[in-house]
Protein backbone atom coordinates (compact mmCIF):
# COMPACT_ATOMS: atom_id res chain seq x y z
CA UNK A 1 42.82 -11.78 -25.93
CA UNK A 2 45.26 -14.05 -26.62
CA UNK A 3 44.49 -16.10 -30.02
CA UNK A 4 43.83 -19.76 -27.92
CA UNK A 5 41.52 -17.74 -25.75
CA UNK A 6 39.46 -16.28 -28.82
CA UNK A 7 36.78 -18.97 -28.68
CA UNK A 8 36.14 -19.19 -24.97
CA UNK A 9 36.39 -15.44 -25.38
CA UNK A 10 33.53 -14.96 -27.92
CA UNK A 11 31.46 -17.00 -25.31
CA UNK A 12 32.24 -14.36 -22.53
CA UNK A 13 31.51 -11.72 -24.60
CA UNK A 14 28.03 -13.13 -25.92
CA UNK A 15 26.85 -13.01 -22.29
CA UNK A 16 27.91 -9.71 -21.52
CA UNK A 17 26.59 -7.99 -24.55
CA UNK A 18 23.44 -9.43 -23.90
CA UNK A 19 23.62 -8.18 -20.23
CA UNK A 20 23.90 -4.73 -21.78
CA UNK A 21 27.85 -4.52 -21.82
CA UNK A 22 29.40 -2.58 -24.62
CA UNK A 23 32.31 -4.58 -25.63
CA UNK A 24 35.83 -3.16 -26.34
CA UNK A 25 38.57 -4.97 -28.02
CA UNK A 26 41.92 -4.62 -30.11
CA UNK A 27 42.15 -5.19 -33.75
CA UNK A 28 42.23 -8.88 -33.98
CA UNK A 29 39.75 -9.80 -31.00
CA UNK A 30 37.37 -7.55 -32.46
CA UNK A 31 37.76 -8.98 -35.80
CA UNK A 32 37.01 -12.54 -34.18
CA UNK A 33 34.02 -11.64 -32.43
CA UNK A 34 32.29 -9.38 -34.97
CA UNK A 35 33.23 -12.36 -37.29
CA UNK A 36 30.63 -14.69 -34.98
CA UNK A 37 28.23 -11.87 -34.84
CA UNK A 38 28.82 -9.83 -31.81
CA UNK A 39 29.28 -5.90 -31.88
CA UNK A 40 32.13 -4.63 -30.89
CA UNK A 41 31.72 -0.59 -29.82
CA UNK A 42 35.28 0.23 -29.81
CA UNK A 43 38.11 -1.40 -31.59
CA UNK A 44 41.04 -0.13 -29.61
CA UNK A 45 44.54 0.47 -30.84
CA UNK A 46 47.55 -1.64 -28.87
CA UNK A 47 49.48 0.16 -26.00
CA UNK A 48 52.12 2.18 -27.49
CA UNK A 49 50.48 2.45 -30.96
CA UNK A 50 50.12 5.88 -32.66
CA UNK A 51 47.70 5.14 -34.30
CA UNK A 52 44.03 3.33 -34.50
CA UNK A 53 42.22 5.02 -32.38
CA UNK A 54 41.87 5.07 -28.35
CA UNK A 55 43.90 2.29 -26.11
CA UNK A 56 42.69 0.57 -23.31
CA UNK A 57 44.34 3.09 -20.94
CA UNK A 58 42.66 5.84 -22.50
CA UNK A 59 39.10 4.28 -21.95
CA UNK A 60 40.42 3.29 -18.30
CA UNK A 61 41.48 6.78 -17.44
CA UNK A 62 38.93 8.20 -18.78
CA UNK A 63 36.31 5.70 -16.77
CA UNK A 64 34.38 4.19 -19.24
CA UNK A 65 35.87 0.60 -18.68
CA UNK A 66 33.44 -1.32 -15.75
CA UNK A 67 35.60 -4.23 -16.00
CA UNK A 68 39.15 -5.68 -17.92
CA UNK A 69 39.74 -9.17 -19.31
CA UNK A 70 42.47 -9.68 -20.42
CA UNK A 71 44.96 -13.03 -21.51
CA UNK A 72 47.75 -11.78 -22.34
CA UNK A 73 50.51 -14.12 -24.38
CA UNK A 74 53.71 -13.29 -25.88
CA UNK A 75 56.14 -10.67 -24.61
CA UNK A 76 54.62 -7.57 -26.57
CA UNK A 77 51.18 -8.51 -25.61
CA UNK A 78 52.32 -9.68 -22.03
CA UNK A 79 53.63 -5.85 -21.46
CA UNK A 80 50.55 -4.60 -22.56
CA UNK A 81 48.71 -6.26 -20.26
CA UNK A 82 51.18 -5.63 -17.28
CA UNK A 83 50.36 -1.56 -17.96
CA UNK A 84 46.51 -2.30 -18.50
CA UNK A 85 46.32 -4.10 -15.10
CA UNK A 86 48.04 -1.91 -13.45
CA UNK A 87 45.72 1.15 -15.07
CA UNK A 88 42.35 -0.84 -13.88
CA UNK A 89 44.16 -1.25 -10.29
CA UNK A 90 44.73 1.98 -9.86
CA UNK A 91 41.28 3.18 -11.07
CA UNK A 92 39.55 0.23 -9.08
CA UNK A 93 38.46 -1.58 -12.17
CA UNK A 94 37.71 -5.46 -11.47
CA UNK A 95 40.75 -7.90 -13.93
CA UNK A 96 39.91 -11.14 -14.92
CA UNK A 97 43.30 -12.58 -15.97
CA UNK A 98 42.03 -15.34 -17.60
CA UNK A 99 39.16 -16.24 -19.97
CA UNK A 100 37.67 -19.03 -18.25
CA UNK A 101 37.31 -16.41 -15.06
CA UNK A 102 35.61 -14.03 -17.82
CA UNK A 103 33.15 -16.69 -18.50
CA UNK A 104 32.62 -17.10 -15.02
CA UNK A 105 31.94 -13.90 -14.29
CA UNK A 106 29.53 -13.28 -17.33
CA UNK A 107 27.92 -16.21 -16.13
CA UNK A 108 27.64 -14.99 -12.37
CA UNK A 109 26.36 -11.72 -13.74
CA UNK A 110 23.81 -13.18 -15.95
CA UNK A 111 22.71 -15.73 -12.76
CA UNK A 112 22.30 -12.35 -10.55
CA UNK A 113 19.91 -11.18 -12.92
CA UNK A 114 17.50 -14.01 -12.29
CA UNK A 115 17.77 -13.68 -8.72
CA UNK A 116 16.78 -11.38 -6.06
CA UNK A 117 20.06 -11.27 -3.87
CA UNK A 118 19.85 -10.33 -0.23
CA UNK A 119 22.19 -10.41 2.84
CA UNK A 120 21.36 -12.84 5.62
CA UNK A 121 23.30 -13.77 8.86
CA UNK A 122 24.54 -17.65 9.51
CA UNK A 123 22.11 -17.55 12.08
CA UNK A 124 19.27 -17.28 9.60
CA UNK A 125 20.35 -19.95 7.35
CA UNK A 126 20.74 -22.78 10.28
CA UNK A 127 17.49 -21.43 11.61
CA UNK A 128 15.56 -25.01 12.81
CA UNK A 129 18.45 -26.91 12.74
CA UNK A 130 19.53 -29.17 15.63
CA UNK A 131 23.09 -29.68 16.62
CA UNK A 132 22.34 -33.14 16.14
CA UNK A 133 21.75 -32.22 12.12
CA UNK A 134 25.19 -30.42 12.49
CA UNK A 135 27.29 -33.29 13.98
CA UNK A 136 30.23 -34.70 11.61
CA UNK A 137 31.08 -38.36 12.50
CA UNK A 138 34.57 -39.25 11.63
């Protein structure tokens, strides 16, 4: 996450952890999250760095990533983000490119855990509704 996004990213990460997701992040984001009591399962090396552990690309290719939240800023991070997004797309992994969307995704998943999901047809939604109730007067 870009520095400007770490506070909102912290909120999203907290919800993802409560849902049972493991968090992986590069060193700066990991340090921020851990300083705020959020466990980071794996600290990633930046793409192209030789040292520091696996990169996001390594974990994507290994099938260990379920969702990518990436908000790059600047030339280096923007290039890293492009590689990460490309690899995630190739692996059919959802990608969220703003931290606000990451927080919305986390909250949506949390909401799903409290409600039974089911599919209904439009006819089922509108059963018992009369034509008068559907009329839109201008």
